Amino acid sequence: MAIEIPSRASRPFDFRFALGVPLALMAVMLWLYPPALDFALAQLFYVPGSGFTGRQSYWLENILHDRAKQAVIAFAVLALAGFIVSLCSPKWRQWRRPLGYVVLSMALTTAVVMPLKVLTAVHCPWSLKEFGGQETYTPLLSPRAETEKPGLCWPGGHASSGFSLLALFFFWRDRRPRTARIALAVALGLGAIFSLGRMAQGAHFLSHNIWTLLIDWMICVLCYRWILYRPAASRITRSQATMVPGDR
């Protein structure tokens, strides 16, 4: 007779699909994404002689950029505080791993941004000659044109603040699937709004923000697999369950 070993198994999740799709999209972005699309969208926010329409916007800079980022940081600090409490309080012990996952995922998705910016040295739209700047556009994998001021605009730092909340989808998916779906929609929505705001200011191209989403998603998936995911318990027979060493 077969019995089940008690376990809090995770809901089924296809990691090959969850990681394979963004990797495929990254390959497409590297080889097939048309720079003309980035420039065409940037032109929608650019007024020759005046610059980008959102560059001097109080709402975009002070509210959607500064205050919104501070709100995400405050949320991350609260998650860290909850994790610390879970280390000390038995009542919070069940939340230790989920909160630890959120803290680590949000930390990695935002911490990876600056090293990548320095490594790639991609310029912002507002720095390019096509938009009133002094720099020459070069594709992501191409050698950078000579400059005294390397760019720091790939991937999108502000977009990463919004997309870092993808961690909340995985935080909830094995406990409250409906809440997880809401969290996913909120993270994608905030990331998109943050991305659009910075595009209106000339800080990023669309492709910068798509890359940010793909990178953040993969980090959250990998951390979920490492920290939270629990495969379904294997089935064993009663005789196997009661077998002692030497019976075989």
C-alpha atoms as a PDB file:
ATOM      1  CA  MET A   1       0.000   0.000   0.000  1.00  0.00           C
ATOM      2  CA  ALA A   2       1.385   3.394  -1.005  1.00  0.00           C
ATOM      3  CA  ILE A   3       1.572   6.232   1.467  1.00  0.00           C
ATOM      4  CA  GLU A   4       2.628   9.862   1.211  1.00  0.00           C
ATOM      5  CA  ILE A   5       5.463  11.423   3.152  1.00  0.00           C
ATOM      6  CA  PRO A   6       4.050  14.680   4.609  1.00  0.00           C
ATOM      7  CA  SER A   7       5.534  17.687   2.884  1.00  0.00           C
ATOM      8  CA  ARG A   8       4.649  21.286   1.990  1.00  0.00           C
ATOM      9  CA  ALA A   9       5.253  20.786  -1.688  1.00  0.00           C
ATOM     10  CA  SER A  10       5.286  23.720  -4.081  1.00  0.00           C
ATOM     11  CA  ARG A  11       2.811  24.015  -6.899  1.00  0.00           C
ATOM     12  CA  PRO A  12       4.171  22.642 -10.195  1.00  0.00           C
ATOM     13  CA  PHE A  13       6.484  25.070 -11.946  1.00  0.00           C
ATOM     14  CA  ASP A  14       8.218  24.632 -15.288  1.00  0.00           C
ATOM     15  CA  PHE A  15      11.681  26.078 -14.730  1.00  0.00           C
ATOM     16  CA  ARG A  16      12.838  25.139 -18.215  1.00  0.00           C
ATOM     17  CA  PHE A  17      10.079  27.289 -19.677  1.00  0.00           C
ATOM     18  CA  ALA A  18      10.489  30.100 -17.120  1.00  0.00           C
ATOM     19  CA  LEU A  19      14.204  30.377 -17.866  1.00  0.00           C
ATOM     20  CA  GLY A  20      14.236  29.265 -21.483  1.00  0.00           C
ATOM     21  CA  VAL A  21      11.814  31.917 -22.740  1.00  0.00           C
ATOM     22  CA  PRO A  22      13.748  34.914 -21.344  1.00  0.00           C
ATOM     23  CA  LEU A  23      17.018  33.431 -22.596  1.00  0.00           C
ATOM     24  CA  ALA A  24      15.499  33.088 -26.064  1.00  0.00           C
ATOM     25  CA  LEU A  25      14.207  36.648 -25.882  1.00  0.00           C
ATOM     26  CA  MET A  26      17.667  37.839 -24.883  1.00  0.00           C
ATOM     27  CA  ALA A  27      19.102  36.168 -27.972  1.00  0.00           C
ATOM     28  CA  VAL A  28      16.458  37.862 -30.108  1.00  0.00           C
ATOM     29  CA  MET A  29      17.219  41.207 -28.476  1.00  0.00           C
ATOM     30  CA  LEU A  30      20.933  40.811 -29.204  1.00  0.00           C
ATOM     31  CA  TRP A  31      20.644  39.854 -32.853  1.00  0.00           C
ATOM     32  CA  LEU A  32      17.264  40.946 -34.195  1.00  0.00           C
ATOM     33  CA  TYR A  33      15.992  43.875 -32.145  1.00  0.00           C
ATOM     34  CA  PRO A  34      15.890  46.938 -34.438  1.00  0.00           C
ATOM     35  CA  PRO A  35      17.561  50.081 -32.995  1.00  0.00           C
ATOM     36  CA  ALA A  36      15.190  52.057 -35.213  1.00  0.00           C
ATOM     37  CA  LEU A  37      12.353  51.081 -32.877  1.00  0.00           C
ATOM     38  CA  ASP A  38      14.173  52.584 -29.881  1.00  0.00           C
ATOM     39  CA  PHE A  39      14.840  55.790 -31.787  1.00  0.00           C
ATOM     40  CA  ALA A  40      11.293  56.037 -33.129  1.00  0.00           C
ATOM     41  CA  LEU A  41       9.810  55.740 -29.642  1.00  0.00           C
ATOM     42  CA  ALA A  42      12.333  58.195 -28.190  1.00  0.00           C
ATOM     43  CA  GLN A  43      11.399  60.697 -30.884  1.00  0.00           C
ATOM     44  CA  LEU A  44       7.843  60.723 -29.521  1.00  0.00           C
ATOM     45  CA  PHE A  45       9.149  62.388 -26.348  1.00  0.00           C
ATOM     46  CA  TYR A  46      11.761  64.634 -27.975  1.00  0.00           C
ATOM     47  CA  VAL A  47      11.280  68.225 -29.127  1.00  0.00           C
ATOM     48  CA  PRO A  48      14.192  69.557 -31.233  1.00  0.00           C
ATOM     49  CA  GLY A  49      15.757  72.550 -29.563  1.00  0.00           C
ATOM     50  CA  SER A  50      14.002  71.870 -26.241  1.00  0.00           C
ATOM     51  CA  GLY A  51      14.977  68.319 -25.376  1.00  0.00           C
ATOM     52  CA  PHE A  52      12.887  65.541 -23.923  1.00  0.00           C
ATOM     53  CA  THR A  53       9.445  66.598 -22.732  1.00  0.00           C
ATOM     54  CA  GLY A  54       9.823  64.905 -19.348  1.00  0.00           C
ATOM     55  CA  ARG A  55      13.374  66.042 -18.583  1.00  0.00           C
ATOM     56  CA  GLN A  56      12.258  68.978 -16.422  1.00  0.00           C
ATOM     57  CA  SER A  57       8.991  67.449 -15.197  1.00  0.00           C
ATOM     58  CA  TYR A  58       8.577  67.783 -11.434  1.00  0.00           C
ATOM     59  CA  TRP A  59       6.107  64.906 -11.362  1.00  0.00           C
ATOM     60  CA  LEU A  60       8.303  62.524 -13.347  1.00  0.00           C
ATOM     61  CA  GLU A  61      11.544  63.387 -11.555  1.00  0.00           C
ATOM     62  CA  ASN A  62      10.500  64.072  -7.969  1.00  0.00           C
ATOM     63  CA  ILE A  63       7.447  61.836  -7.626  1.00  0.00           C
ATOM     64  CA  LEU A  64       7.643  58.973 -10.124  1.00  0.00           C
ATOM     65  CA  HIS A  65      11.427  58.721  -9.941  1.00  0.00           C
ATOM     66  CA  ASP A  66      12.668  59.808  -6.503  1.00  0.00           C
ATOM     67  CA  ARG A  67       9.653  59.195  -4.242  1.00  0.00           C
ATOM     68  CA  ALA A  68       8.638  55.972  -5.982  1.00  0.00           C
ATOM     69  CA  LYS A  69      12.141  54.567  -5.677  1.00  0.00           C
ATOM     70  CA  GLN A  70      12.215  55.544  -2.007  1.00  0.00           C
ATOM     71  CA  ALA A  71       8.906  53.719  -1.504  1.00  0.00           C
ATOM     72  CA  VAL A  72      10.356  50.524  -3.005  1.00  0.00           C
ATOM     73  CA  ILE A  73      13.444  50.865  -0.806  1.00  0.00           C
ATOM     74  CA  ALA A  74      11.225  51.329   2.245  1.00  0.00           C
ATOM     75  CA  PHE A  75       9.333  48.161   1.345  1.00  0.00           C
ATOM     76  CA  ALA A  76      12.605  46.251   1.031  1.00  0.00           C
ATOM     77  CA  VAL A  77      13.684  47.540   4.449  1.00  0.00           C
ATOM     78  CA  LEU A  78      10.389  46.335   5.943  1.00  0.00           C
ATOM     79  CA  ALA A  79      10.947  42.906   4.392  1.00  0.00           C
ATOM     80  CA  LEU A  80      14.444  42.830   5.889  1.00  0.00           C
ATOM     81  CA  ALA A  81      13.051  43.824   9.292  1.00  0.00           C
ATOM     82  CA  GLY A  82      10.487  41.035   9.045  1.00  0.00           C
ATOM     83  CA  PHE A  83      13.225  38.552   8.173  1.00  0.00           C
ATOM     84  CA  ILE A  84      15.278  39.646  11.196  1.00  0.00           C
ATOM     85  CA  VAL A  85      12.222  39.254  13.429  1.00  0.00           C
ATOM     86  CA  SER A  86      11.662  35.756  12.025  1.00  0.00           C
ATOM     87  CA  LEU A  87      15.135  34.794  13.240  1.00  0.00           C
ATOM     88  CA  CYS A  88      14.182  35.678  16.804  1.00  0.00           C
ATOM     89  CA  SER A  89      10.461  34.963  17.104  1.00  0.00           C
ATOM     90  CA  PRO A  90       9.000  31.430  16.835  1.00  0.00           C
ATOM     91  CA  LYS A  91       5.701  32.968  15.708  1.00  0.00           C
ATOM     92  CA  TRP A  92       7.400  34.343  12.600  1.00  0.00           C
ATOM     93  CA  ARG A  93       9.492  31.268  11.865  1.00  0.00           C
ATOM     94  CA  GLN A  94       7.213  30.084   9.049  1.00  0.00           C
ATOM     95  CA  TRP A  95       7.921  33.349   7.206  1.00  0.00           C
ATOM     96  CA  ARG A  96      11.702  33.136   7.510  1.00  0.00           C
ATOM     97  CA  ARG A  97      12.420  31.548   4.153  1.00  0.00           C
ATOM     98  CA  PRO A  98       9.791  33.525   2.186  1.00  0.00           C
ATOM     99  CA  LEU A  99      10.988  36.829   3.648  1.00  0.00           C
ATOM    100  CA  GLY A 100      14.607  35.835   3.140  1.00  0.00           C
ATOM    101  CA  TYR A 101      13.742  35.093  -0.473  1.00  0.00           C
ATOM    102  CA  VAL A 102      12.171  38.535  -0.980  1.00  0.00           C
ATOM    103  CA  VAL A 103      15.127  40.304   0.615  1.00  0.00           C
ATOM    104  CA  LEU A 104      17.701  38.395  -1.439  1.00  0.00           C
ATOM    105  CA  SER A 105      15.803  38.683  -4.733  1.00  0.00           C
ATOM    106  CA  MET A 106      15.183  42.405  -4.388  1.00  0.00           C
ATOM    107  CA  ALA A 107      18.783  42.970  -3.336  1.00  0.00           C
ATOM    108  CA  LEU A 108      20.196  41.067  -6.310  1.00  0.00           C
ATOM    109  CA  THR A 109      17.878  42.562  -8.928  1.00  0.00           C
ATOM    110  CA  THR A 110      18.876  46.070  -7.901  1.00  0.00           C
ATOM    111  CA  ALA A 111      22.528  45.402  -6.986  1.00  0.00           C
ATOM    112  CA  VAL A 112      23.324  43.913 -10.399  1.00  0.00           C
ATOM    113  CA  VAL A 113      22.362  47.138 -12.181  1.00  0.00           C
ATOM    114  CA  MET A 114      25.363  49.346 -11.446  1.00  0.00           C
ATOM    115  CA  PRO A 115      28.059  46.773 -12.307  1.00  0.00           C
ATOM    116  CA  LEU A 116      26.303  46.143 -15.634  1.00  0.00           C
ATOM    117  CA  LYS A 117      26.054  49.890 -16.292  1.00  0.00           C
ATOM    118  CA  VAL A 118      29.790  50.307 -15.724  1.00  0.00           C
ATOM    119  CA  LEU A 119      30.642  47.211 -17.760  1.00  0.00           C
ATOM    120  CA  THR A 120      28.548  48.121 -20.816  1.00  0.00           C
ATOM    121  CA  ALA A 121      29.027  51.932 -20.752  1.00  0.00           C
ATOM    122  CA  VAL A 122      25.857  52.462 -22.810  1.00  0.00           C
ATOM    123  CA  HIS A 123      24.795  56.098 -23.182  1.00  0.00           C
ATOM    124  CA  CYS A 124      21.359  57.482 -22.399  1.00  0.00           C
ATOM    125  CA  PRO A 125      19.262  58.865 -25.262  1.00  0.00           C
ATOM    126  CA  TRP A 126      19.684  62.398 -23.891  1.00  0.00           C
ATOM    127  CA  SER A 127      23.459  62.074 -24.390  1.00  0.00           C
ATOM    128  CA  LEU A 128      23.273  61.095 -28.071  1.00  0.00           C
ATOM    129  CA  LYS A 129      23.793  63.447 -30.996  1.00  0.00           C
ATOM    130  CA  GLU A 130      20.395  62.498 -32.396  1.00  0.00           C
ATOM    131  CA  PHE A 131      18.776  64.014 -29.310  1.00  0.00           C
ATOM    132  CA  GLY A 132      20.890  67.097 -28.759  1.00  0.00           C
ATOM    133  CA  GLY A 133      23.810  65.444 -26.969  1.00  0.00           C
ATOM    134  CA  GLN A 134      27.444  64.874 -27.895  1.00  0.00           C
ATOM    135  CA  GLU A 135      27.798  61.087 -27.920  1.00  0.00           C
ATOM    136  CA  THR A 136      27.661  58.588 -30.771  1.00  0.00           C
ATOM    137  CA  TYR A 137      25.200  55.698 -30.597  1.00  0.00           C
ATOM    138  CA  THR A 138      26.664  52.186 -30.614  1.00  0.00           C
ATOM    139  CA  PRO A 139      24.761  48.869 -30.234  1.00  0.00           C
ATOM    140  CA  LEU A 140      25.035  46.937 -26.988  1.00  0.00           C
ATOM    141  CA  LEU A 141      27.734  44.482 -28.095  1.00  0.00           C
ATOM    142  CA  SER A 142      29.677  46.908 -30.297  1.00  0.00           C
ATOM    143  CA  PRO A 143      32.841  48.728 -29.176  1.00  0.00           C
ATOM    144  CA  ARG A 144      32.007  52.122 -27.722  1.00  0.00           C
ATOM    145  CA  ALA A 145      32.903  55.235 -29.667  1.00  0.00           C
ATOM    146  CA  GLU A 146      35.665  57.301 -28.066  1.00  0.00           C
ATOM    147  CA  THR A 147      34.312  59.508 -25.321  1.00  0.00           C
ATOM    148  CA  GLU A 148      35.416  61.273 -22.172  1.00  0.00           C
ATOM    149  CA  LYS A 149      32.166  60.345 -20.410  1.00  0.00           C
ATOM    150  CA  PRO A 150      31.228  56.647 -20.622  1.00  0.00           C
ATOM    151  CA  GLY A 151      27.497  56.019 -20.373  1.00  0.00           C
ATOM    152  CA  LEU A 152      25.713  54.481 -17.408  1.00  0.00           C
ATOM    153  CA  CYS A 153      22.327  53.695 -18.912  1.00  0.00           C
ATOM    154  CA  TRP A 154      22.063  49.922 -19.449  1.00  0.00           C
ATOM    155  CA  PRO A 155      20.119  48.299 -17.881  1.00  0.00           C
ATOM    156  CA  GLY A 156      17.461  50.593 -16.411  1.00  0.00           C
ATOM    157  CA  GLY A 157      17.993  51.253 -12.726  1.00  0.00           C
ATOM    158  CA  HIS A 158      14.585  52.766 -12.076  1.00  0.00           C
ATOM    159  CA  ALA A 159      12.800  50.065 -14.045  1.00  0.00           C
ATOM    160  CA  SER A 160      14.636  47.539 -11.887  1.00  0.00           C
ATOM    161  CA  SER A 161      13.073  49.103  -8.781  1.00  0.00           C
ATOM    162  CA  GLY A 162       9.636  48.246 -10.126  1.00  0.00           C
ATOM    163  CA  PHE A 163      10.498  44.849 -11.581  1.00  0.00           C
ATOM    164  CA  SER A 164      12.271  43.814  -8.361  1.00  0.00           C
ATOM    165  CA  LEU A 165       8.764  43.370  -6.944  1.00  0.00           C
ATOM    166  CA  LEU A 166       8.414  40.292  -9.158  1.00  0.00           C
ATOM    167  CA  ALA A 167       9.762  38.579  -6.049  1.00  0.00           C
ATOM    168  CA  LEU A 168       6.322  39.008  -4.479  1.00  0.00           C
ATOM    169  CA  PHE A 169       4.798  36.739  -7.128  1.00  0.00           C
ATOM    170  CA  PHE A 170       7.027  33.872  -5.987  1.00  0.00           C
ATOM    171  CA  PHE A 171       6.583  34.845  -2.341  1.00  0.00           C
ATOM    172  CA  TRP A 172       2.852  34.123  -2.648  1.00  0.00           C
ATOM    173  CA  ARG A 173       2.538  31.516  -5.414  1.00  0.00           C
ATOM    174  CA  ASP A 174       2.661  28.457  -3.141  1.00  0.00           C
ATOM    175  CA  ARG A 175       0.483  30.011  -0.434  1.00  0.00           C
ATOM    176  CA  ARG A 176      -2.069  32.232  -2.154  1.00  0.00           C
ATOM    177  CA  PRO A 177      -2.106  31.827  -5.942  1.00  0.00           C
ATOM    178  CA  ARG A 178      -4.654  34.606  -6.498  1.00  0.00           C
ATOM    179  CA  THR A 179      -2.600  37.054  -4.442  1.00  0.00           C
ATOM    180  CA  ALA A 180       0.474  35.939  -6.388  1.00  0.00           C
ATOM    181  CA  ARG A 181      -1.190  36.817  -9.688  1.00  0.00           C
ATOM    182  CA  ILE A 182      -2.138  40.234  -8.341  1.00  0.00           C
ATOM    183  CA  ALA A 183       1.451  40.763  -7.170  1.00  0.00           C
ATOM    184  CA  LEU A 184       2.721  39.789 -10.624  1.00  0.00           C
ATOM    185  CA  ALA A 185       0.413  42.299 -12.301  1.00  0.00           C
ATOM    186  CA  VAL A 186       1.444  45.041  -9.854  1.00  0.00           C
ATOM    187  CA  ALA A 187       5.175  44.383 -10.383  1.00  0.00           C
ATOM    188  CA  LEU A 188       4.841  44.368 -14.166  1.00  0.00           C
ATOM    189  CA  GLY A 189       2.634  47.459 -14.063  1.00  0.00           C
ATOM    190  CA  LEU A 190       4.963  49.443 -11.824  1.00  0.00           C
ATOM    191  CA  GLY A 191       7.999  48.393 -13.818  1.00  0.00           C
ATOM    192  CA  ALA A 192       6.283  49.484 -17.031  1.00  0.00           C
ATOM    193  CA  ILE A 193       5.236  52.842 -15.545  1.00  0.00           C
ATOM    194  CA  PHE A 194       8.730  53.484 -14.200  1.00  0.00           C
ATOM    195  CA  SER A 195      10.156  52.535 -17.602  1.00  0.00           C
ATOM    196  CA  LEU A 196       7.808  54.819 -19.508  1.00  0.00           C
ATOM    197  CA  GLY A 197       8.560  57.724 -17.168  1.00  0.00           C
ATOM    198  CA  ARG A 198      12.296  57.422 -17.727  1.00  0.00           C
ATOM    199  CA  MET A 199      11.809  57.065 -21.474  1.00  0.00           C
ATOM    200  CA  ALA A 200       9.852  60.333 -21.458  1.00  0.00           C
ATOM    201  CA  GLN A 201      12.808  61.947 -19.693  1.00  0.00           C
ATOM    202  CA  GLY A 202      15.311  60.608 -22.239  1.00  0.00           C
ATOM    203  CA  ALA A 203      17.075  58.413 -19.691  1.00  0.00           C
ATOM    204  CA  HIS A 204      16.451  55.070 -21.414  1.00  0.00           C
ATOM    205  CA  PHE A 205      15.413  53.391 -24.616  1.00  0.00           C
ATOM    206  CA  LEU A 206      12.658  50.785 -24.599  1.00  0.00           C
ATOM    207  CA  SER A 207      15.202  48.010 -25.105  1.00  0.00           C
ATOM    208  CA  HIS A 208      17.034  49.016 -21.913  1.00  0.00           C
ATOM    209  CA  ASN A 209      13.896  48.385 -19.899  1.00  0.00           C
ATOM    210  CA  ILE A 210      13.021  45.117 -21.643  1.00  0.00           C
ATOM    211  CA  TRP A 211      16.490  43.840 -20.784  1.00  0.00           C
ATOM    212  CA  THR A 212      15.925  44.919 -17.187  1.00  0.00           C
ATOM    213  CA  LEU A 213      12.681  42.932 -16.992  1.00  0.00           C
ATOM    214  CA  LEU A 214      14.312  39.802 -18.415  1.00  0.00           C
ATOM    215  CA  ILE A 215      17.294  40.002 -16.067  1.00  0.00           C
ATOM    216  CA  ASP A 216      15.149  40.629 -12.994  1.00  0.00           C
ATOM    217  CA  TRP A 217      12.748  37.821 -13.882  1.00  0.00           C
ATOM    218  CA  MET A 218      15.579  35.308 -14.220  1.00  0.00           C
ATOM    219  CA  ILE A 219      17.098  36.352 -10.904  1.00  0.00           C
ATOM    220  CA  CYS A 220      13.745  35.928  -9.160  1.00  0.00           C
ATOM    221  CA  VAL A 221      13.179  32.513 -10.764  1.00  0.00           C
ATOM    222  CA  LEU A 222      16.635  31.238  -9.828  1.00  0.00           C
ATOM    223  CA  CYS A 223      16.291  32.455  -6.239  1.00  0.00           C
ATOM    224  CA  TYR A 224      12.853  30.828  -6.042  1.00  0.00           C
ATOM    225  CA  ARG A 225      14.318  27.511  -7.193  1.00  0.00           C
ATOM    226  CA  TRP A 226      17.122  27.760  -4.659  1.00  0.00           C
ATOM    227  CA  ILE A 227      15.230  29.031  -1.612  1.00  0.00           C
ATOM    228  CA  LEU A 228      11.480  28.381  -1.804  1.00  0.00           C
ATOM    229  CA  TYR A 229      10.674  25.682  -4.331  1.00  0.00           C
ATOM    230  CA  ARG A 230       9.869  22.290  -2.845  1.00  0.00           C
ATOM    231  CA  PRO A 231       9.186  19.422  -5.288  1.00  0.00           C
ATOM    232  CA  ALA A 232       6.236  17.139  -4.575  1.00  0.00           C
ATOM    233  CA  ALA A 233       7.024  14.425  -2.030  1.00  0.00           C
ATOM    234  CA  SER A 234       7.845  11.062  -3.549  1.00  0.00           C
ATOM    235  CA  ARG A 235       5.554   8.106  -2.955  1.00  0.00           C
ATOM    236  CA  ILE A 236       6.925   5.053  -1.175  1.00  0.00           C
ATOM    237  CA  THR A 237       5.377   1.799  -0.085  1.00  0.00           C
ATOM    238  CA  ARG A 238       4.471   1.073   3.509  1.00  0.00           C
ATOM    239  CA  SER A 239       6.995  -1.753   3.583  1.00  0.00           C
ATOM    240  CA  GLN A 240       9.717   0.615   2.397  1.00  0.00           C
ATOM    241  CA  ALA A 241       8.681   3.177   5.008  1.00  0.00           C
ATOM    242  CA  THR A 242       9.064   0.650   7.804  1.00  0.00           C
ATOM    243  CA  MET A 243      12.123  -1.127   6.442  1.00  0.00           C
ATOM    244  CA  VAL A 244      15.158  -1.118   8.741  1.00  0.00           C
ATOM    245  CA  PRO A 245      18.809  -1.451   7.742  1.00  0.00           C
ATOM    246  CA  GLY A 246      19.726  -5.065   6.906  1.00  0.00           C
ATOM    247  CA  ASP A 247      16.277  -6.092   5.597  1.00  0.00           C
ATOM    248  CA  ARG A 248      17.443  -6.078   1.975  1.00  0.00           C
END
